């Protein structure tokens, strides 16, 4: 009986993975405590903000970006 309950619990736990909302890739969050390098290699986040490098963009929660500075509108 314990084996069956353990299996069911595991199946439910694995089936309940949090799905990442694609739109959340463009919402800037408070910077995390990761140590980023200081090389200036700008990237343009999907939120229209320029970050000094890809590590800084990721540290702010921006997972979608392109190489280079953002163009001013």
PDB file of N, CA and C in Angstrom:
ATOM      1  N   UNK A   1       0.824  -1.191   0.000  1.00  0.00           N
ATOM      2  CA  UNK A   1       0.000   0.000   0.000  1.00  0.00           C
ATOM      3  C   UNK A   1       0.879   1.270   0.000  1.00  0.00           C
ATOM      4  N   UNK A   2       1.952   1.240   0.805  1.00  0.00           N
ATOM      5  CA  UNK A   2       2.846   2.407   0.850  1.00  0.00           C
ATOM      6  C   UNK A   2       3.493   2.648  -0.507  1.00  0.00           C
ATOM      7  N   UNK A   3       3.828   1.564  -1.172  1.00  0.00           N
ATOM      8  CA  UNK A   3       4.452   1.686  -2.483  1.00  0.00           C
ATOM      9  C   UNK A   3       3.508   2.359  -3.474  1.00  0.00           C
ATOM     10  N   UNK A   4       2.262   1.994  -3.448  1.00  0.00           N
ATOM     11  CA  UNK A   4       1.263   2.584  -4.354  1.00  0.00           C
ATOM     12  C   UNK A   4       1.077   4.055  -4.029  1.00  0.00           C
ATOM     13  N   UNK A   5       0.947   4.378  -2.727  1.00  0.00           N
ATOM     14  CA  UNK A   5       0.786   5.782  -2.342  1.00  0.00           C
ATOM     15  C   UNK A   5       2.017   6.600  -2.712  1.00  0.00           C
ATOM     16  N   UNK A   6       3.186   6.037  -2.528  1.00  0.00           N
ATOM     17  CA  UNK A   6       4.419   6.746  -2.901  1.00  0.00           C
ATOM     18  C   UNK A   6       4.457   7.007  -4.397  1.00  0.00           C
ATOM     19  N   UNK A   7       4.074   6.003  -5.174  1.00  0.00           N
ATOM     20  CA  UNK A   7       4.054   6.152  -6.625  1.00  0.00           C
ATOM     21  C   UNK A   7       3.064   7.227  -7.051  1.00  0.00           C
ATOM     22  N   UNK A   8       1.861   7.222  -6.459  1.00  0.00           N
ATOM     23  CA  UNK A   8       0.852   8.232  -6.799  1.00  0.00           C
ATOM     24  C   UNK A   8       1.332   9.635  -6.422  1.00  0.00           C
ATOM     25  N   UNK A   9       1.929   9.763  -5.250  1.00  0.00           N
ATOM     26  CA  UNK A   9       2.441  11.060  -4.826  1.00  0.00           C
ATOM     27  C   UNK A   9       3.504  11.562  -5.794  1.00  0.00           C
ATOM     28  N   UNK A  10       4.403  10.672  -6.182  1.00  0.00           N
ATOM     29  CA  UNK A  10       5.459  11.039  -7.114  1.00  0.00           C
ATOM     30  C   UNK A  10       4.882  11.439  -8.462  1.00  0.00           C
ATOM     31  N   UNK A  11       3.893  10.707  -8.952  1.00  0.00           N
ATOM     32  CA  UNK A  11       3.265  11.014 -10.238  1.00  0.00           C
ATOM     33  C   UNK A  11       2.580  12.373 -10.202  1.00  0.00           C
ATOM     34  N   UNK A  12       1.892  12.675  -9.099  1.00  0.00           N
ATOM     35  CA  UNK A  12       1.222  13.975  -8.967  1.00  0.00           C
ATOM     36  C   UNK A  12       2.259  15.087  -8.864  1.00  0.00           C
ATOM     37  N   UNK A  13       3.310  14.869  -8.087  1.00  0.00           N
ATOM     38  CA  UNK A  13       4.352  15.871  -7.908  1.00  0.00           C
ATOM     39  C   UNK A  13       5.032  16.204  -9.229  1.00  0.00           C
ATOM     40  N   UNK A  14       5.377  15.204 -10.001  1.00  0.00           N
ATOM     41  CA  UNK A  14       6.031  15.417 -11.295  1.00  0.00           C
ATOM     42  C   UNK A  14       5.079  16.093 -12.270  1.00  0.00           C
ATOM     43  N   UNK A  15       3.810  15.765 -12.222  1.00  0.00           N
ATOM     44  CA  UNK A  15       2.824  16.353 -13.130  1.00  0.00           C
ATOM     45  C   UNK A  15       2.483  17.782 -12.812  1.00  0.00           C
ATOM     46  N   UNK A  16       2.907  18.281 -11.660  1.00  0.00           N
ATOM     47  CA  UNK A  16       2.542  19.631 -11.245  1.00  0.00           C
ATOM     48  C   UNK A  16       3.690  20.618 -11.413  1.00  0.00           C
ATOM     49  N   UNK A  17       4.566  20.388 -12.365  1.00  0.00           N
ATOM     50  CA  UNK A  17       5.653  21.337 -12.617  1.00  0.00           C
ATOM     51  C   UNK A  17       5.068  22.692 -12.972  1.00  0.00           C
ATOM     52  N   UNK A  18       5.697  23.735 -12.482  1.00  0.00           N
ATOM     53  CA  UNK A  18       5.247  25.081 -12.786  1.00  0.00           C
ATOM     54  C   UNK A  18       5.606  25.407 -14.231  1.00  0.00           C
ATOM     55  N   UNK A  19       4.639  25.836 -14.987  1.00  0.00           N
ATOM     56  CA  UNK A  19       4.873  26.222 -16.376  1.00  0.00           C
ATOM     57  C   UNK A  19       5.253  27.699 -16.401  1.00  0.00           C
ATOM     58  N   UNK A  20       6.308  28.017 -17.124  1.00  0.00           N
ATOM     59  CA  UNK A  20       6.790  29.390 -17.194  1.00  0.00           C
ATOM     60  C   UNK A  20       5.979  30.166 -18.224  1.00  0.00           C
ATOM     61  N   UNK A  21       5.453  31.294 -17.806  1.00  0.00           N
ATOM     62  CA  UNK A  21       4.684  32.159 -18.684  1.00  0.00           C
ATOM     63  C   UNK A  21       5.662  32.915 -19.581  1.00  0.00           C
ATOM     64  N   UNK A  22       5.549  32.772 -20.923  1.00  0.00           N
ATOM     65  CA  UNK A  22       6.497  33.439 -21.820  1.00  0.00           C
ATOM     66  C   UNK A  22       6.554  34.948 -21.630  1.00  0.00           C
ATOM     67  N   UNK A  23       5.436  35.568 -21.257  1.00  0.00           N
ATOM     68  CA  UNK A  23       5.426  37.017 -21.081  1.00  0.00           C
ATOM     69  C   UNK A  23       6.242  37.442 -19.864  1.00  0.00           C
ATOM     70  N   UNK A  24       6.508  36.522 -18.937  1.00  0.00           N
ATOM     71  CA  UNK A  24       7.287  36.871 -17.754  1.00  0.00           C
ATOM     72  C   UNK A  24       8.768  37.045 -18.079  1.00  0.00           C
ATOM     73  N   UNK A  25       9.190  36.677 -19.279  1.00  0.00           N
ATOM     74  CA  UNK A  25      10.584  36.855 -19.697  1.00  0.00           C
ATOM     75  C   UNK A  25      10.940  38.317 -19.904  1.00  0.00           C
ATOM     76  N   UNK A  26       9.951  39.200 -19.978  1.00  0.00           N
ATOM     77  CA  UNK A  26      10.196  40.619 -20.253  1.00  0.00           C
ATOM     78  C   UNK A  26       9.859  41.520 -19.076  1.00  0.00           C
ATOM     79  N   UNK A  27       9.645  40.963 -17.915  1.00  0.00           N
ATOM     80  CA  UNK A  27       9.311  41.770 -16.746  1.00  0.00           C
ATOM     81  C   UNK A  27      10.555  41.900 -15.881  1.00  0.00           C
ATOM     82  N   UNK A  28      11.021  43.151 -15.733  1.00  0.00           N
ATOM     83  CA  UNK A  28      12.211  43.372 -14.921  1.00  0.00           C
ATOM     84  C   UNK A  28      11.885  43.160 -13.454  1.00  0.00           C
ATOM     85  N   UNK A  29      12.747  42.416 -12.795  1.00  0.00           N
ATOM     86  CA  UNK A  29      12.595  42.104 -11.378  1.00  0.00           C
ATOM     87  C   UNK A  29      13.763  42.736 -10.633  1.00  0.00           C
ATOM     88  N   UNK A  30      13.669  42.844  -9.323  1.00  0.00           N
ATOM     89  CA  UNK A  30      14.829  43.348  -8.573  1.00  0.00           C
ATOM     90  C   UNK A  30      16.041  42.465  -8.844  1.00  0.00           C
ATOM     91  N   UNK A  31      17.181  43.079  -8.958  1.00  0.00           N
ATOM     92  CA  UNK A  31      18.408  42.347  -9.297  1.00  0.00           C
ATOM     93  C   UNK A  31      18.700  41.298  -8.248  1.00  0.00           C
ATOM     94  N   UNK A  32      19.050  40.098  -8.701  1.00  0.00           N
ATOM     95  CA  UNK A  32      19.426  39.046  -7.758  1.00  0.00           C
ATOM     96  C   UNK A  32      20.864  39.251  -7.304  1.00  0.00           C
ATOM     97  N   UNK A  33      21.330  38.423  -6.425  1.00  0.00           N
ATOM     98  CA  UNK A  33      22.654  38.584  -5.828  1.00  0.00           C
ATOM     99  C   UNK A  33      23.773  37.898  -6.606  1.00  0.00           C
ATOM    100  N   UNK A  34      23.511  37.485  -7.830  1.00  0.00           N
ATOM    101  CA  UNK A  34      24.558  36.803  -8.600  1.00  0.00           C
ATOM    102  C   UNK A  34      25.690  37.775  -8.920  1.00  0.00           C
ATOM    103  N   UNK A  35      26.868  37.231  -8.996  1.00  0.00           N
ATOM    104  CA  UNK A  35      28.037  38.041  -9.312  1.00  0.00           C
ATOM    105  C   UNK A  35      28.264  38.054 -10.818  1.00  0.00           C
ATOM    106  N   UNK A  36      27.976  39.159 -11.443  1.00  0.00           N
ATOM    107  CA  UNK A  36      28.152  39.264 -12.897  1.00  0.00           C
ATOM    108  C   UNK A  36      29.521  39.855 -13.216  1.00  0.00           C
ATOM    109  N   UNK A  37      29.988  39.520 -14.382  1.00  0.00           N
ATOM    110  CA  UNK A  37      31.256  40.072 -14.849  1.00  0.00           C
ATOM    111  C   UNK A  37      31.051  41.524 -15.276  1.00  0.00           C
ATOM    112  N   UNK A  38      32.142  42.275 -15.382  1.00  0.00           N
ATOM    113  CA  UNK A  38      32.040  43.710 -15.650  1.00  0.00           C
ATOM    114  C   UNK A  38      32.378  44.085 -17.087  1.00  0.00           C
ATOM    115  N   UNK A  39      32.459  43.123 -17.970  1.00  0.00           N
ATOM    116  CA  UNK A  39      32.745  43.401 -19.376  1.00  0.00           C
ATOM    117  C   UNK A  39      31.534  44.092 -19.999  1.00  0.00           C
ATOM    118  N   UNK A  40      31.781  45.226 -20.668  1.00  0.00           N
ATOM    119  CA  UNK A  40      30.681  45.940 -21.319  1.00  0.00           C
ATOM    120  C   UNK A  40      30.437  45.330 -22.690  1.00  0.00           C
ATOM    121  N   UNK A  41      29.351  44.621 -22.802  1.00  0.00           N
ATOM    122  CA  UNK A  41      28.915  43.990 -24.039  1.00  0.00           C
ATOM    123  C   UNK A  41      27.395  44.121 -24.054  1.00  0.00           C
ATOM    124  N   UNK A  42      26.893  45.320 -24.410  1.00  0.00           N
ATOM    125  CA  UNK A  42      25.481  45.635 -24.201  1.00  0.00           C
ATOM    126  C   UNK A  42      24.512  44.692 -24.920  1.00  0.00           C
ATOM    127  N   UNK A  43      23.379  44.495 -24.249  1.00  0.00           N
ATOM    128  CA  UNK A  43      22.267  43.745 -24.828  1.00  0.00           C
ATOM    129  C   UNK A  43      21.004  44.568 -24.633  1.00  0.00           C
ATOM    130  N   UNK A  44      20.083  44.396 -25.561  1.00  0.00           N
ATOM    131  CA  UNK A  44      18.798  45.088 -25.484  1.00  0.00           C
ATOM    132  C   UNK A  44      17.753  44.096 -25.004  1.00  0.00           C
ATOM    133  N   UNK A  45      17.207  44.357 -23.823  1.00  0.00           N
ATOM    134  CA  UNK A  45      16.177  43.491 -23.279  1.00  0.00           C
ATOM    135  C   UNK A  45      14.867  43.667 -24.033  1.00  0.00           C
ATOM    136  N   UNK A  46      14.033  42.646 -24.003  1.00  0.00           N
ATOM    137  CA  UNK A  46      12.742  42.714 -24.679  1.00  0.00           C
ATOM    138  C   UNK A  46      11.838  43.777 -24.054  1.00  0.00           C
ATOM    139  N   UNK A  47      12.254  44.330 -22.920  1.00  0.00           N
ATOM    140  CA  UNK A  47      11.509  45.412 -22.291  1.00  0.00           C
ATOM    141  C   UNK A  47      11.974  46.784 -22.785  1.00  0.00           C
ATOM    142  N   UNK A  48      12.921  46.815 -23.739  1.00  0.00           N
ATOM    143  CA  UNK A  48      13.390  48.069 -24.314  1.00  0.00           C
ATOM    144  C   UNK A  48      14.492  48.744 -23.521  1.00  0.00           C
ATOM    145  N   UNK A  49      15.045  48.076 -22.535  1.00  0.00           N
ATOM    146  CA  UNK A  49      16.103  48.653 -21.704  1.00  0.00           C
ATOM    147  C   UNK A  49      17.441  48.013 -22.060  1.00  0.00           C
ATOM    148  N   UNK A  50      18.502  48.835 -22.127  1.00  0.00           N
ATOM    149  CA  UNK A  50      19.847  48.337 -22.406  1.00  0.00           C
ATOM    150  C   UNK A  50      20.507  47.906 -21.102  1.00  0.00           C
ATOM    151  N   UNK A  51      21.094  46.711 -21.118  1.00  0.00           N
ATOM    152  CA  UNK A  51      21.834  46.177 -19.975  1.00  0.00           C
ATOM    153  C   UNK A  51      23.295  46.072 -20.394  1.00  0.00           C
ATOM    154  N   UNK A  52      24.217  46.194 -19.446  1.00  0.00           N
ATOM    155  CA  UNK A  52      25.636  46.235 -19.779  1.00  0.00           C
ATOM    156  C   UNK A  52      26.147  44.910 -20.352  1.00  0.00           C
ATOM    157  N   UNK A  53      25.492  43.798 -20.045  1.00  0.00           N
ATOM    158  CA  UNK A  53      25.838  42.504 -20.640  1.00  0.00           C
ATOM    159  C   UNK A  53      24.707  41.514 -20.368  1.00  0.00           C
ATOM    160  N   UNK A  54      24.814  40.332 -20.937  1.00  0.00           N
ATOM    161  CA  UNK A  54      23.746  39.349 -20.793  1.00  0.00           C
ATOM    162  C   UNK A  54      23.561  38.901 -19.347  1.00  0.00           C
ATOM    163  N   UNK A  55      24.638  38.855 -18.584  1.00  0.00           N
ATOM    164  CA  UNK A  55      24.543  38.448 -17.185  1.00  0.00           C
ATOM    165  C   UNK A  55      23.692  39.432 -16.392  1.00  0.00           C
ATOM    166  N   UNK A  56      23.886  40.721 -16.636  1.00  0.00           N
ATOM    167  CA  UNK A  56      23.090  41.745 -15.944  1.00  0.00           C
ATOM    168  C   UNK A  56      21.616  41.639 -16.330  1.00  0.00           C
ATOM    169  N   UNK A  57      21.335  41.376 -17.603  1.00  0.00           N
ATOM    170  CA  UNK A  57      19.943  41.215 -18.040  1.00  0.00           C
ATOM    171  C   UNK A  57      19.300  40.042 -17.307  1.00  0.00           C
ATOM    172  N   UNK A  58      20.009  38.911 -17.263  1.00  0.00           N
ATOM    173  CA  UNK A  58      19.478  37.725 -16.583  1.00  0.00           C
ATOM    174  C   UNK A  58      19.322  37.973 -15.086  1.00  0.00           C
ATOM    175  N   UNK A  59      20.244  38.738 -14.491  1.00  0.00           N
ATOM    176  CA  UNK A  59      20.168  39.032 -13.060  1.00  0.00           C
ATOM    177  C   UNK A  59      18.928  39.853 -12.730  1.00  0.00           C
ATOM    178  N   UNK A  60      18.407  40.575 -13.714  1.00  0.00           N
ATOM    179  CA  UNK A  60      17.179  41.354 -13.541  1.00  0.00           C
ATOM    180  C   UNK A  60      15.947  40.580 -13.994  1.00  0.00           C
ATOM    181  N   UNK A  61      16.126  39.332 -14.381  1.00  0.00           N
ATOM    182  CA  UNK A  61      14.988  38.500 -14.775  1.00  0.00           C
ATOM    183  C   UNK A  61      14.611  38.606 -16.234  1.00  0.00           C
ATOM    184  N   UNK A  62      15.425  39.291 -17.041  1.00  0.00           N
ATOM    185  CA  UNK A  62      15.149  39.422 -18.471  1.00  0.00           C
ATOM    186  C   UNK A  62      15.808  38.250 -19.181  1.00  0.00           C
ATOM    187  N   UNK A  63      14.994  37.356 -19.744  1.00  0.00           N
ATOM    188  CA  UNK A  63      15.516  36.150 -20.381  1.00  0.00           C
ATOM    189  C   UNK A  63      15.509  36.234 -21.897  1.00  0.00           C
ATOM    190  N   UNK A  64      14.904  37.279 -22.424  1.00  0.00           N
ATOM    191  CA  UNK A  64      14.858  37.465 -23.869  1.00  0.00           C
ATOM    192  C   UNK A  64      15.504  38.806 -24.197  1.00  0.00           C
ATOM    193  N   UNK A  65      16.579  38.765 -24.953  1.00  0.00           N
ATOM    194  CA  UNK A  65      17.326  39.976 -25.287  1.00  0.00           C
ATOM    195  C   UNK A  65      18.069  39.762 -26.596  1.00  0.00           C
ATOM    196  N   UNK A  66      18.549  40.867 -27.176  1.00  0.00           N
ATOM    197  CA  UNK A  66      19.340  40.785 -28.394  1.00  0.00           C
ATOM    198  C   UNK A  66      20.645  41.554 -28.198  1.00  0.00           C
ATOM    199  N   UNK A  67      21.649  41.209 -28.982  1.00  0.00           N
ATOM    200  CA  UNK A  67      22.957  41.863 -28.865  1.00  0.00           C
ATOM    201  C   UNK A  67      22.858  43.314 -29.281  1.00  0.00           C
ATOM    202  N   UNK A  68      23.598  44.164 -28.579  1.00  0.00           N
ATOM    203  CA  UNK A  68      23.657  45.593 -28.900  1.00  0.00           C
ATOM    204  C   UNK A  68      22.730  46.417 -28.036  1.00  0.00           C
ATOM    205  N   UNK A  69      22.975  47.731 -28.072  1.00  0.00           N
ATOM    206  CA  UNK A  69      22.154  48.667 -27.299  1.00  0.00           C
ATOM    207  C   UNK A  69      20.778  48.800 -27.930  1.00  0.00           C
ATOM    208  N   UNK A  70      19.820  49.154 -27.102  1.00  0.00           N
ATOM    209  CA  UNK A  70      18.461  49.401 -27.606  1.00  0.00           C
ATOM    210  C   UNK A  70      18.445  50.712 -28.390  1.00  0.00           C
ATOM    211  N   UNK A  71      17.672  50.754 -29.426  1.00  0.00           N
ATOM    212  CA  UNK A  71      17.523  51.976 -30.211  1.00  0.00           C
ATOM    213  C   UNK A  71      16.517  52.891 -29.538  1.00  0.00           C
ATOM    214  N   UNK A  72      16.845  54.175 -29.490  1.00  0.00           N
ATOM    215  CA  UNK A  72      15.907  55.150 -28.899  1.00  0.00           C
ATOM    216  C   UNK A  72      14.732  55.354 -29.830  1.00  0.00           C
ATOM    217  N   UNK A  73      13.575  55.506 -29.239  1.00  0.00           N
ATOM    218  CA  UNK A  73      12.357  55.720 -30.044  1.00  0.00           C
ATOM    219  C   UNK A  73      12.043  57.171 -30.173  1.00  0.00           C
TER     220      UNK A  73
END
